[in-house]
Amino acid sequence: MATLPELARAHSDLDEVRITHLQNLVSVWGLLADLSFADLVLYARDSR
């Protein structure tokens, strides 16, 4: 199974700093989703 950074590199034009920021953001999503009683969805532009 691919990791988030691998998917971001393969399907976006994000640089390493932004990929790291994205990974940090997603790491706290579980807690945020639990506190808000909601699911979270991330939309991103495709590099194509």
C-alpha atoms as a PDB file:
ATOM      1  CA  MET A   1       0.000   0.000   0.000  1.00  0.00           C
ATOM      2  CA  ALA A   2       1.353   3.418  -0.958  1.00  0.00           C
ATOM      3  CA  THR A   3       2.049   6.057   1.667  1.00  0.00           C
ATOM      4  CA  LEU A   4       0.669   9.584   1.530  1.00  0.00           C
ATOM      5  CA  PRO A   5       4.029  11.096   0.491  1.00  0.00           C
ATOM      6  CA  GLU A   6       4.386   8.515  -2.302  1.00  0.00           C
ATOM      7  CA  LEU A   7       0.902   9.310  -3.600  1.00  0.00           C
ATOM      8  CA  ALA A   8       1.542  13.050  -3.361  1.00  0.00           C
ATOM      9  CA  ARG A   9       4.797  12.753  -5.326  1.00  0.00           C
ATOM     10  CA  ALA A  10       3.188  10.560  -7.986  1.00  0.00           C
ATOM     11  CA  HIS A  11      -0.007  12.550  -8.506  1.00  0.00           C
ATOM     12  CA  SER A  12       0.742  16.171  -7.628  1.00  0.00           C
ATOM     13  CA  ASP A  13       3.348  18.827  -8.122  1.00  0.00           C
ATOM     14  CA  LEU A  14       3.810  19.482  -4.387  1.00  0.00           C
ATOM     15  CA  ASP A  15       7.371  20.052  -3.193  1.00  0.00           C
ATOM     16  CA  GLU A  16       8.858  18.223  -0.185  1.00  0.00           C
ATOM     17  CA  VAL A  17       8.035  21.032   2.261  1.00  0.00           C
ATOM     18  CA  ARG A  18       4.358  20.961   1.291  1.00  0.00           C
ATOM     19  CA  ILE A  19       4.238  17.170   1.373  1.00  0.00           C
ATOM     20  CA  THR A  20       5.661  17.245   4.907  1.00  0.00           C
ATOM     21  CA  HIS A  21       3.086  19.866   5.919  1.00  0.00           C
ATOM     22  CA  LEU A  22       0.320  17.739   4.396  1.00  0.00           C
ATOM     23  CA  GLN A  23       1.535  14.678   6.275  1.00  0.00           C
ATOM     24  CA  ASN A  24       1.576  16.631   9.568  1.00  0.00           C
ATOM     25  CA  LEU A  25      -1.932  17.925   8.894  1.00  0.00           C
ATOM     26  CA  VAL A  26      -3.319  14.477   8.136  1.00  0.00           C
ATOM     27  CA  SER A  27      -1.678  13.016  11.251  1.00  0.00           C
ATOM     28  CA  VAL A  28      -4.094  14.969  13.490  1.00  0.00           C
ATOM     29  CA  TRP A  29      -7.213  14.302  11.400  1.00  0.00           C
ATOM     30  CA  GLY A  30      -8.347  11.312  13.468  1.00  0.00           C
ATOM     31  CA  LEU A  31      -8.644  13.416  16.609  1.00  0.00           C
ATOM     32  CA  LEU A  32     -10.237  16.321  14.741  1.00  0.00           C
ATOM     33  CA  ALA A  33     -12.801  14.031  13.085  1.00  0.00           C
ATOM     34  CA  ASP A  34     -13.654  12.460  16.446  1.00  0.00           C
ATOM     35  CA  LEU A  35     -14.114  15.837  18.121  1.00  0.00           C
ATOM     36  CA  SER A  36     -16.322  17.179  15.327  1.00  0.00           C
ATOM     37  CA  PHE A  37     -18.321  13.947  14.843  1.00  0.00           C
ATOM     38  CA  ALA A  38     -17.592  14.140  11.121  1.00  0.00           C
ATOM     39  CA  ASP A  39     -15.544  12.614   8.344  1.00  0.00           C
ATOM     40  CA  LEU A  40     -12.861  14.709   6.690  1.00  0.00           C
ATOM     41  CA  VAL A  41     -12.139  14.743   2.962  1.00  0.00           C
ATOM     42  CA  LEU A  42      -9.029  16.135   1.316  1.00  0.00           C
ATOM     43  CA  TYR A  43      -9.291  17.445  -2.227  1.00  0.00           C
ATOM     44  CA  ALA A  44      -6.125  18.150  -4.170  1.00  0.00           C
ATOM     45  CA  ARG A  45      -5.310  19.195  -7.688  1.00  0.00           C
ATOM     46  CA  ASP A  46      -3.917  16.487  -9.917  1.00  0.00           C
ATOM     47  CA  SER A  47      -0.626  17.272 -11.659  1.00  0.00           C
ATOM     48  CA  ARG A  48      -2.179  16.488 -15.039  1.00  0.00           C
END
